[in-house]
Amino acid sequence: MTLPPDFDAAAELALAQELADLGNAVAMPLYESREFSLARKADRSEVTEADRNAELAISRRVLEARPHHGMYGEEHGVVGDTSSPWRWVVDPIDGTSNFVRGIPVWATLVALTHADHGPLVGVVAAPAMGRRWWAARGLGAFANGRRCQVSTVAALAEAQVSVTFASGWDALGVTPQLVQLQQDAYRARGFGDFWQHMLVAEGAVDIAIDAVGLMPYDNAAVKIVVEEAGGTYTDRNNVVTFESDTAVSSNGLLHAAALAAVRVPG
């Protein structure tokens, strides 16, 4: 892949790490103290001041450090230079439902995307788990500083899979196929959200199938980490994108089996 001439992978990754730190610094004290208010957005999803304030801290730094870049966040939409091919895509707290219930599986997701190349930098920072994953195009993927590599498992009967069941899969009529995938695999668990895909990047899980209804900020940072670890990340129709409402990640060897499980019957 020919990368944009103005792309400095190391510098942009360093900024992405800083932005993730800012998000974590806002969210983690509120998670630990349990002192936050809970509201519902129009789509009935949960939101707290931790989400809003973490994104605000990140956006202020983006506008300061990269005034010629845009930013798209879950809580405040698009800010900055909307005409720029460069856009930071941020989910201040991926896993808000876990956050509000005291479950440590939540993370600040930060990605730098390019209009022609998709995500080129990604950081997935999960402070309550003591875990952080990051990647930049051409630099590889890492988990807490250790290089990530997907597994070499090639048979579904030997694979570990993670499936996030949701009403969207019911509506598509593929839930029985997802159940069958779990039964055909060696072991099945539902880790959910970003974590299942990071486990694919680490080689601990071989297939991860997310819920229906994803947004770009759910996918962007996660996608680049999986890809730089040698894995495959597509939507349910095998389109390589971070802008779909579905996501399937795998070690590549088992991607066809994963896609078969989400193929709409008929």
C-alpha atoms as a PDB file:
ATOM      1  CA  MET A   1       0.000   0.000   0.000  1.00  0.00           C
ATOM      2  CA  THR A   2       1.248   3.462  -0.933  1.00  0.00           C
ATOM      3  CA  LEU A   3       0.653   5.687   2.070  1.00  0.00           C
ATOM      4  CA  PRO A   4      -0.042   9.431   1.968  1.00  0.00           C
ATOM      5  CA  PRO A   5       3.230  11.410   1.763  1.00  0.00           C
ATOM      6  CA  ASP A   6       2.279  13.500   4.792  1.00  0.00           C
ATOM      7  CA  PHE A   7       1.709  10.466   7.015  1.00  0.00           C
ATOM      8  CA  ASP A   8       4.215  10.162   9.871  1.00  0.00           C
ATOM      9  CA  ALA A   9       3.201   6.907  11.518  1.00  0.00           C
ATOM     10  CA  ALA A  10       5.296   7.304  14.656  1.00  0.00           C
ATOM     11  CA  ALA A  11       4.207  10.892  15.284  1.00  0.00           C
ATOM     12  CA  GLU A  12       0.518  10.176  14.735  1.00  0.00           C
ATOM     13  CA  LEU A  13       0.673   7.078  16.924  1.00  0.00           C
ATOM     14  CA  ALA A  14       2.280   9.126  19.690  1.00  0.00           C
ATOM     15  CA  LEU A  15      -0.557  11.641  19.472  1.00  0.00           C
ATOM     16  CA  ALA A  16      -3.153   8.856  19.459  1.00  0.00           C
ATOM     17  CA  GLN A  17      -1.604   7.473  22.646  1.00  0.00           C
ATOM     18  CA  GLU A  18      -1.794  10.929  24.211  1.00  0.00           C
ATOM     19  CA  LEU A  19      -5.450  11.279  23.215  1.00  0.00           C
ATOM     20  CA  ALA A  20      -6.262   7.890  24.726  1.00  0.00           C
ATOM     21  CA  ASP A  21      -4.528   8.992  27.932  1.00  0.00           C
ATOM     22  CA  LEU A  22      -6.739  12.079  28.047  1.00  0.00           C
ATOM     23  CA  GLY A  23      -9.888  10.014  27.647  1.00  0.00           C
ATOM     24  CA  ASN A  24      -8.805   7.524  30.280  1.00  0.00           C
ATOM     25  CA  ALA A  25      -7.871  10.309  32.703  1.00  0.00           C
ATOM     26  CA  VAL A  26     -11.426  11.638  32.591  1.00  0.00           C
ATOM     27  CA  ALA A  27     -13.257   8.312  32.620  1.00  0.00           C
ATOM     28  CA  MET A  28     -11.288   6.185  35.079  1.00  0.00           C
ATOM     29  CA  PRO A  29     -11.844   8.283  38.246  1.00  0.00           C
ATOM     30  CA  LEU A  30     -15.588   8.357  37.565  1.00  0.00           C
ATOM     31  CA  TYR A  31     -15.616   4.600  36.971  1.00  0.00           C
ATOM     32  CA  GLU A  32     -13.828   3.996  40.259  1.00  0.00           C
ATOM     33  CA  SER A  33     -15.897   6.446  42.312  1.00  0.00           C
ATOM     34  CA  ARG A  34     -19.230   5.455  40.672  1.00  0.00           C
ATOM     35  CA  GLU A  35     -20.133   9.154  40.898  1.00  0.00           C
ATOM     36  CA  PHE A  36     -21.722   9.890  37.549  1.00  0.00           C
ATOM     37  CA  SER A  37     -25.201  10.473  36.178  1.00  0.00           C
ATOM     38  CA  LEU A  38     -26.756   8.203  33.587  1.00  0.00           C
ATOM     39  CA  ALA A  39     -28.927   9.324  30.683  1.00  0.00           C
ATOM     40  CA  ARG A  40     -30.348   7.766  27.540  1.00  0.00           C
ATOM     41  CA  LYS A  41     -29.742   9.021  24.015  1.00  0.00           C
ATOM     42  CA  ALA A  42     -32.384   8.997  21.296  1.00  0.00           C
ATOM     43  CA  ASP A  43     -31.425   5.435  20.324  1.00  0.00           C
ATOM     44  CA  ARG A  44     -31.851   4.373  23.985  1.00  0.00           C
ATOM     45  CA  SER A  45     -28.123   3.737  24.403  1.00  0.00           C
ATOM     46  CA  GLU A  46     -26.553   4.828  27.670  1.00  0.00           C
ATOM     47  CA  VAL A  47     -24.399   7.921  28.103  1.00  0.00           C
ATOM     48  CA  THR A  48     -22.681   9.566  31.072  1.00  0.00           C
ATOM     49  CA  GLU A  49     -20.705  12.739  31.663  1.00  0.00           C
ATOM     50  CA  ALA A  50     -17.629  10.510  31.452  1.00  0.00           C
ATOM     51  CA  ASP A  51     -18.406   9.883  27.770  1.00  0.00           C
ATOM     52  CA  ARG A  52     -19.048  13.539  27.020  1.00  0.00           C
ATOM     53  CA  ASN A  53     -16.175  14.986  29.012  1.00  0.00           C
ATOM     54  CA  ALA A  54     -13.646  12.447  27.773  1.00  0.00           C
ATOM     55  CA  GLU A  55     -14.545  13.234  24.172  1.00  0.00           C
ATOM     56  CA  LEU A  56     -14.376  16.958  24.856  1.00  0.00           C
ATOM     57  CA  ALA A  57     -10.854  16.628  26.280  1.00  0.00           C
ATOM     58  CA  ILE A  58      -9.779  14.626  23.247  1.00  0.00           C
ATOM     59  CA  SER A  59     -11.333  17.010  20.730  1.00  0.00           C
ATOM     60  CA  ARG A  60      -9.679  20.042  22.319  1.00  0.00           C
ATOM     61  CA  ARG A  61      -6.283  18.405  21.985  1.00  0.00           C
ATOM     62  CA  VAL A  62      -6.932  17.332  18.381  1.00  0.00           C
ATOM     63  CA  LEU A  63      -7.934  20.861  17.397  1.00  0.00           C
ATOM     64  CA  GLU A  64      -4.813  22.198  19.086  1.00  0.00           C
ATOM     65  CA  ALA A  65      -2.318  19.636  17.777  1.00  0.00           C
ATOM     66  CA  ARG A  66      -3.818  18.998  14.330  1.00  0.00           C
ATOM     67  CA  PRO A  67      -5.815  22.095  13.315  1.00  0.00           C
ATOM     68  CA  HIS A  68      -5.959  20.887   9.714  1.00  0.00           C
ATOM     69  CA  HIS A  69      -7.518  17.556  10.666  1.00  0.00           C
ATOM     70  CA  GLY A  70     -11.148  16.739  11.356  1.00  0.00           C
ATOM     71  CA  MET A  71     -12.532  14.645  14.196  1.00  0.00           C
ATOM     72  CA  TYR A  72     -15.631  12.483  14.465  1.00  0.00           C
ATOM     73  CA  GLY A  73     -16.728  11.411  17.926  1.00  0.00           C
ATOM     74  CA  GLU A  74     -19.673   9.455  19.233  1.00  0.00           C
ATOM     75  CA  GLU A  75     -20.938  12.232  21.480  1.00  0.00           C
ATOM     76  CA  HIS A  76     -20.295  15.476  19.579  1.00  0.00           C
ATOM     77  CA  GLY A  77     -20.202  14.476  15.911  1.00  0.00           C
ATOM     78  CA  VAL A  78     -17.781  16.095  13.459  1.00  0.00           C
ATOM     79  CA  VAL A  79     -15.561  18.995  14.528  1.00  0.00           C
ATOM     80  CA  GLY A  80     -12.433  20.609  13.137  1.00  0.00           C
ATOM     81  CA  ASP A  81     -11.549  20.808   9.444  1.00  0.00           C
ATOM     82  CA  THR A  82     -14.397  18.954   7.759  1.00  0.00           C
ATOM     83  CA  SER A  83     -12.713  19.246   4.328  1.00  0.00           C
ATOM     84  CA  SER A  84      -9.541  17.454   5.417  1.00  0.00           C
ATOM     85  CA  PRO A  85      -8.889  13.899   4.200  1.00  0.00           C
ATOM     86  CA  TRP A  86      -7.539  13.225   7.688  1.00  0.00           C
ATOM     87  CA  ARG A  87     -10.085  12.516  10.399  1.00  0.00           C
ATOM     88  CA  TRP A  88      -9.689  11.300  13.966  1.00  0.00           C
ATOM     89  CA  VAL A  89     -12.452   8.845  14.844  1.00  0.00           C
ATOM     90  CA  VAL A  90     -13.085   8.502  18.567  1.00  0.00           C
ATOM     91  CA  ASP A  91     -15.297   6.522  20.918  1.00  0.00           C
ATOM     92  CA  PRO A  92     -14.575   7.981  24.367  1.00  0.00           C
ATOM     93  CA  ILE A  93     -15.987   4.916  26.124  1.00  0.00           C
ATOM     94  CA  ASP A  94     -16.635   1.812  24.070  1.00  0.00           C
ATOM     95  CA  GLY A  95     -18.676  -0.389  26.371  1.00  0.00           C
ATOM     96  CA  THR A  96     -20.637   2.268  28.276  1.00  0.00           C
ATOM     97  CA  SER A  97     -23.118  -0.398  29.415  1.00  0.00           C
ATOM     98  CA  ASN A  98     -20.217  -2.198  31.094  1.00  0.00           C
ATOM     99  CA  PHE A  99     -18.858   1.067  32.489  1.00  0.00           C
ATOM    100  CA  VAL A 100     -22.109   1.967  34.240  1.00  0.00           C
ATOM    101  CA  ARG A 101     -22.481  -1.520  35.751  1.00  0.00           C
ATOM    102  CA  GLY A 102     -18.934  -1.650  37.088  1.00  0.00           C
ATOM    103  CA  ILE A 103     -17.709  -4.190  34.529  1.00  0.00           C
ATOM    104  CA  PRO A 104     -14.104  -3.358  33.573  1.00  0.00           C
ATOM    105  CA  VAL A 105     -14.479  -4.210  29.868  1.00  0.00           C
ATOM    106  CA  TRP A 106     -14.609  -0.676  28.418  1.00  0.00           C
ATOM    107  CA  ALA A 107     -12.058   1.332  26.478  1.00  0.00           C
ATOM    108  CA  THR A 108     -11.244   4.648  24.882  1.00  0.00           C
ATOM    109  CA  LEU A 109     -10.919   4.069  21.129  1.00  0.00           C
ATOM    110  CA  VAL A 110      -8.839   6.507  19.076  1.00  0.00           C
ATOM    111  CA  ALA A 111      -8.097   6.153  15.364  1.00  0.00           C
ATOM    112  CA  LEU A 112      -6.639   8.358  12.656  1.00  0.00           C
ATOM    113  CA  THR A 113      -8.288   7.698   9.302  1.00  0.00           C
ATOM    114  CA  HIS A 114      -7.627   8.937   5.776  1.00  0.00           C
ATOM    115  CA  ALA A 115     -10.363   9.373   3.189  1.00  0.00           C
ATOM    116  CA  ASP A 116      -8.533   7.139   0.691  1.00  0.00           C
ATOM    117  CA  HIS A 117      -6.826   4.676   3.032  1.00  0.00           C
ATOM    118  CA  GLY A 118      -9.150   4.139   5.991  1.00  0.00           C
ATOM    119  CA  PRO A 119      -7.732   3.728   9.517  1.00  0.00           C
ATOM    120  CA  LEU A 120      -3.939   4.101   9.639  1.00  0.00           C
ATOM    121  CA  VAL A 121      -3.433   4.487  13.397  1.00  0.00           C
ATOM    122  CA  GLY A 122      -5.391   3.003  16.265  1.00  0.00           C
ATOM    123  CA  VAL A 123      -5.249   2.864  20.061  1.00  0.00           C
ATOM    124  CA  VAL A 124      -7.581   0.793  22.242  1.00  0.00           C
ATOM    125  CA  ALA A 125      -7.024   1.784  25.878  1.00  0.00           C
ATOM    126  CA  ALA A 126      -8.816  -0.193  28.598  1.00  0.00           C
ATOM    127  CA  PRO A 127      -7.544   1.206  31.924  1.00  0.00           C
ATOM    128  CA  ALA A 128      -9.850  -0.788  34.205  1.00  0.00           C
ATOM    129  CA  MET A 129      -8.421  -3.952  32.645  1.00  0.00           C
ATOM    130  CA  GLY A 130      -4.850  -2.659  32.757  1.00  0.00           C
ATOM    131  CA  ARG A 131      -4.630  -3.321  29.022  1.00  0.00           C
ATOM    132  CA  ARG A 132      -3.814  -1.250  25.958  1.00  0.00           C
ATOM    133  CA  TRP A 133      -3.469  -2.214  22.306  1.00  0.00           C
ATOM    134  CA  TRP A 134      -2.109  -0.045  19.503  1.00  0.00           C
ATOM    135  CA  ALA A 135      -1.073  -0.155  15.874  1.00  0.00           C
ATOM    136  CA  ALA A 136       0.003   2.011  12.963  1.00  0.00           C
ATOM    137  CA  ARG A 137       0.143   1.006   9.315  1.00  0.00           C
ATOM    138  CA  GLY A 138       3.505  -0.588   8.675  1.00  0.00           C
ATOM    139  CA  LEU A 139       4.590  -0.573  12.336  1.00  0.00           C
ATOM    140  CA  GLY A 140       2.716  -3.662  13.540  1.00  0.00           C
ATOM    141  CA  ALA A 141       0.309  -4.192  16.425  1.00  0.00           C
ATOM    142  CA  PHE A 142       1.107  -4.349  20.121  1.00  0.00           C
ATOM    143  CA  ALA A 143      -0.579  -5.267  23.414  1.00  0.00           C
ATOM    144  CA  ASN A 144       0.999  -3.620  26.457  1.00  0.00           C
ATOM    145  CA  GLY A 145       4.216  -3.356  24.452  1.00  0.00           C
ATOM    146  CA  ARG A 146       4.267  -6.960  23.255  1.00  0.00           C
ATOM    147  CA  ARG A 147       3.959  -7.614  19.522  1.00  0.00           C
ATOM    148  CA  CYS A 148       0.582  -9.074  18.520  1.00  0.00           C
ATOM    149  CA  GLN A 149       0.122 -11.841  15.978  1.00  0.00           C
ATOM    150  CA  VAL A 150      -3.066 -13.686  15.059  1.00  0.00           C
ATOM    151  CA  SER A 151      -3.270 -17.446  15.447  1.00  0.00           C
ATOM    152  CA  THR A 152      -2.524 -20.105  12.858  1.00  0.00           C
ATOM    153  CA  VAL A 153      -5.570 -22.240  13.685  1.00  0.00           C
ATOM    154  CA  ALA A 154      -7.033 -23.394  10.368  1.00  0.00           C
ATOM    155  CA  ALA A 155      -9.816 -25.777  11.436  1.00  0.00           C
ATOM    156  CA  LEU A 156     -13.070 -24.592  12.986  1.00  0.00           C
ATOM    157  CA  ALA A 157     -13.135 -27.681  15.201  1.00  0.00           C
ATOM    158  CA  GLU A 158      -9.942 -26.393  16.831  1.00  0.00           C
ATOM    159  CA  ALA A 159     -10.969 -22.739  16.985  1.00  0.00           C
ATOM    160  CA  GLN A 160     -12.045 -20.452  19.775  1.00  0.00           C
ATOM    161  CA  VAL A 161     -14.843 -18.085  18.730  1.00  0.00           C
ATOM    162  CA  SER A 162     -16.585 -15.095  20.265  1.00  0.00           C
ATOM    163  CA  VAL A 163     -20.090 -14.162  19.131  1.00  0.00           C
ATOM    164  CA  THR A 164     -22.126 -11.165  20.254  1.00  0.00           C
ATOM    165  CA  PHE A 165     -25.774 -12.139  19.866  1.00  0.00           C
ATOM    166  CA  ALA A 166     -28.201  -9.276  19.280  1.00  0.00           C
ATOM    167  CA  SER A 167     -31.667  -8.625  17.896  1.00  0.00           C
ATOM    168  CA  GLY A 168     -30.097  -7.472  14.628  1.00  0.00           C
ATOM    169  CA  TRP A 169     -28.884 -10.986  13.921  1.00  0.00           C
ATOM    170  CA  ASP A 170     -32.369 -12.281  14.721  1.00  0.00           C
ATOM    171  CA  ALA A 171     -33.845  -9.840  12.183  1.00  0.00           C
ATOM    172  CA  LEU A 172     -31.435 -11.079   9.511  1.00  0.00           C
ATOM    173  CA  GLY A 173     -32.364 -14.672  10.281  1.00  0.00           C
ATOM    174  CA  VAL A 174     -28.825 -15.835  11.008  1.00  0.00           C
ATOM    175  CA  THR A 175     -28.992 -16.558  14.743  1.00  0.00           C
ATOM    176  CA  PRO A 176     -29.354 -20.343  14.190  1.00  0.00           C
ATOM    177  CA  GLN A 177     -26.207 -20.246  12.024  1.00  0.00           C
ATOM    178  CA  LEU A 178     -24.302 -18.394  14.749  1.00  0.00           C
ATOM    179  CA  VAL A 179     -25.388 -21.011  17.265  1.00  0.00           C
ATOM    180  CA  GLN A 180     -24.161 -23.703  14.887  1.00  0.00           C
ATOM    181  CA  LEU A 181     -20.813 -21.918  14.508  1.00  0.00           C
ATOM    182  CA  GLN A 182     -20.383 -22.037  18.266  1.00  0.00           C
ATOM    183  CA  GLN A 183     -21.305 -25.699  18.385  1.00  0.00           C
ATOM    184  CA  ASP A 184     -18.865 -26.540  15.589  1.00  0.00           C
ATOM    185  CA  ALA A 185     -16.004 -24.669  17.234  1.00  0.00           C
ATOM    186  CA  TYR A 186     -13.709 -26.070  19.895  1.00  0.00           C
ATOM    187  CA  ARG A 187     -14.751 -23.389  22.373  1.00  0.00           C
ATOM    188  CA  ALA A 188     -17.169 -20.457  22.347  1.00  0.00           C
ATOM    189  CA  ARG A 189     -17.444 -17.377  24.518  1.00  0.00           C
ATOM    190  CA  GLY A 190     -19.050 -13.946  24.195  1.00  0.00           C
ATOM    191  CA  PHE A 191     -16.401 -11.386  25.149  1.00  0.00           C
ATOM    192  CA  GLY A 192     -18.112  -8.502  23.377  1.00  0.00           C
ATOM    193  CA  ASP A 193     -17.236  -4.976  22.253  1.00  0.00           C
ATOM    194  CA  PHE A 194     -13.586  -4.183  21.449  1.00  0.00           C
ATOM    195  CA  TRP A 195     -12.170  -6.990  23.589  1.00  0.00           C
ATOM    196  CA  GLN A 196     -13.188  -9.875  21.333  1.00  0.00           C
ATOM    197  CA  HIS A 197     -11.354  -8.316  18.392  1.00  0.00           C
ATOM    198  CA  MET A 198      -8.271  -7.568  20.470  1.00  0.00           C
ATOM    199  CA  LEU A 199      -8.204 -11.228  21.494  1.00  0.00           C
ATOM    200  CA  VAL A 200      -8.191 -12.095  17.788  1.00  0.00           C
ATOM    201  CA  ALA A 201      -5.226  -9.748  17.300  1.00  0.00           C
ATOM    202  CA  GLU A 202      -3.414 -11.436  20.187  1.00  0.00           C
ATOM    203  CA  GLY A 203      -4.042 -14.908  18.775  1.00  0.00           C
ATOM    204  CA  ALA A 204      -6.128 -15.975  21.777  1.00  0.00           C
ATOM    205  CA  VAL A 205      -9.419 -16.076  19.832  1.00  0.00           C
ATOM    206  CA  ASP A 206      -9.678 -17.110  16.187  1.00  0.00           C
ATOM    207  CA  ILE A 207     -13.048 -15.599  15.133  1.00  0.00           C
ATOM    208  CA  ALA A 208     -14.998 -12.657  16.581  1.00  0.00           C
ATOM    209  CA  ILE A 209     -18.459 -11.673  15.350  1.00  0.00           C
ATOM    210  CA  ASP A 210     -19.799  -8.382  16.673  1.00  0.00           C
ATOM    211  CA  ALA A 211     -23.371  -7.176  17.102  1.00  0.00           C
ATOM    212  CA  VAL A 212     -25.402  -5.496  14.362  1.00  0.00           C
ATOM    213  CA  GLY A 213     -25.617  -1.715  14.670  1.00  0.00           C
ATOM    214  CA  LEU A 214     -21.979  -0.647  14.839  1.00  0.00           C
ATOM    215  CA  MET A 215     -20.748   2.816  13.954  1.00  0.00           C
ATOM    216  CA  PRO A 216     -17.409   3.956  12.471  1.00  0.00           C
ATOM    217  CA  TYR A 217     -16.107   4.892  15.923  1.00  0.00           C
ATOM    218  CA  ASP A 218     -16.716   1.301  17.076  1.00  0.00           C
ATOM    219  CA  ASN A 219     -14.645  -0.090  14.222  1.00  0.00           C
ATOM    220  CA  ALA A 220     -11.829   2.237  13.206  1.00  0.00           C
ATOM    221  CA  ALA A 221      -9.229   1.721  15.951  1.00  0.00           C
ATOM    222  CA  VAL A 222     -10.072  -1.960  16.316  1.00  0.00           C
ATOM    223  CA  LYS A 223      -9.721  -2.659  12.593  1.00  0.00           C
ATOM    224  CA  ILE A 224      -6.169  -1.367  12.223  1.00  0.00           C
ATOM    225  CA  VAL A 225      -4.991  -3.346  15.265  1.00  0.00           C
ATOM    226  CA  VAL A 226      -6.424  -6.599  13.897  1.00  0.00           C
ATOM    227  CA  GLU A 227      -4.986  -5.970  10.438  1.00  0.00           C
ATOM    228  CA  GLU A 228      -1.504  -5.051  11.665  1.00  0.00           C
ATOM    229  CA  ALA A 229      -1.545  -8.260  13.714  1.00  0.00           C
ATOM    230  CA  GLY A 230      -2.034 -10.188  10.464  1.00  0.00           C
ATOM    231  CA  GLY A 231      -5.780 -10.686  10.763  1.00  0.00           C
ATOM    232  CA  THR A 232      -8.798  -9.935   8.589  1.00  0.00           C
ATOM    233  CA  TYR A 233     -11.515  -7.418   9.468  1.00  0.00           C
ATOM    234  CA  THR A 234     -14.598  -7.027   7.272  1.00  0.00           C
ATOM    235  CA  ASP A 235     -18.326  -6.505   7.514  1.00  0.00           C
ATOM    236  CA  ARG A 236     -20.747  -9.420   7.186  1.00  0.00           C
ATOM    237  CA  ASN A 237     -20.647  -9.094   3.378  1.00  0.00           C
ATOM    238  CA  ASN A 238     -16.841  -9.402   3.286  1.00  0.00           C
ATOM    239  CA  VAL A 239     -16.333  -5.713   2.534  1.00  0.00           C
ATOM    240  CA  VAL A 240     -13.122  -4.330   4.037  1.00  0.00           C
ATOM    241  CA  THR A 241     -14.437  -1.229   5.784  1.00  0.00           C
ATOM    242  CA  PHE A 242     -14.777   0.513   9.131  1.00  0.00           C
ATOM    243  CA  GLU A 243     -18.019   2.209   8.103  1.00  0.00           C
ATOM    244  CA  SER A 244     -20.400  -0.762   8.164  1.00  0.00           C
ATOM    245  CA  ASP A 245     -22.871  -1.657  10.904  1.00  0.00           C
ATOM    246  CA  THR A 246     -21.368  -5.137  11.293  1.00  0.00           C
ATOM    247  CA  ALA A 247     -17.856  -6.446  11.929  1.00  0.00           C
ATOM    248  CA  VAL A 248     -16.245  -9.861  11.626  1.00  0.00           C
ATOM    249  CA  SER A 249     -12.611 -10.373  12.567  1.00  0.00           C
ATOM    250  CA  SER A 250     -10.538 -13.513  12.264  1.00  0.00           C
ATOM    251  CA  ASN A 251      -7.058 -14.866  11.825  1.00  0.00           C
ATOM    252  CA  GLY A 252      -7.766 -14.895   8.083  1.00  0.00           C
ATOM    253  CA  LEU A 253      -7.619 -18.666   7.785  1.00  0.00           C
ATOM    254  CA  LEU A 254     -11.109 -18.984   9.266  1.00  0.00           C
ATOM    255  CA  HIS A 255     -12.715 -15.923   7.732  1.00  0.00           C
ATOM    256  CA  ALA A 256     -14.758 -17.895   5.219  1.00  0.00           C
ATOM    257  CA  ALA A 257     -16.240 -19.985   8.026  1.00  0.00           C
ATOM    258  CA  ALA A 258     -17.080 -16.820   9.964  1.00  0.00           C
ATOM    259  CA  LEU A 259     -18.771 -15.210   6.960  1.00  0.00           C
ATOM    260  CA  ALA A 260     -20.783 -18.354   6.263  1.00  0.00           C
ATOM    261  CA  ALA A 261     -22.274 -18.027   9.743  1.00  0.00           C
ATOM    262  CA  VAL A 262     -23.610 -14.515   9.005  1.00  0.00           C
ATOM    263  CA  ARG A 263     -24.778 -15.149   5.450  1.00  0.00           C
ATOM    264  CA  VAL A 264     -28.472 -14.343   5.168  1.00  0.00           C
ATOM    265  CA  PRO A 265     -30.407 -17.534   4.375  1.00  0.00           C
ATOM    266  CA  GLY A 266     -31.863 -17.848   0.904  1.00  0.00           C
END
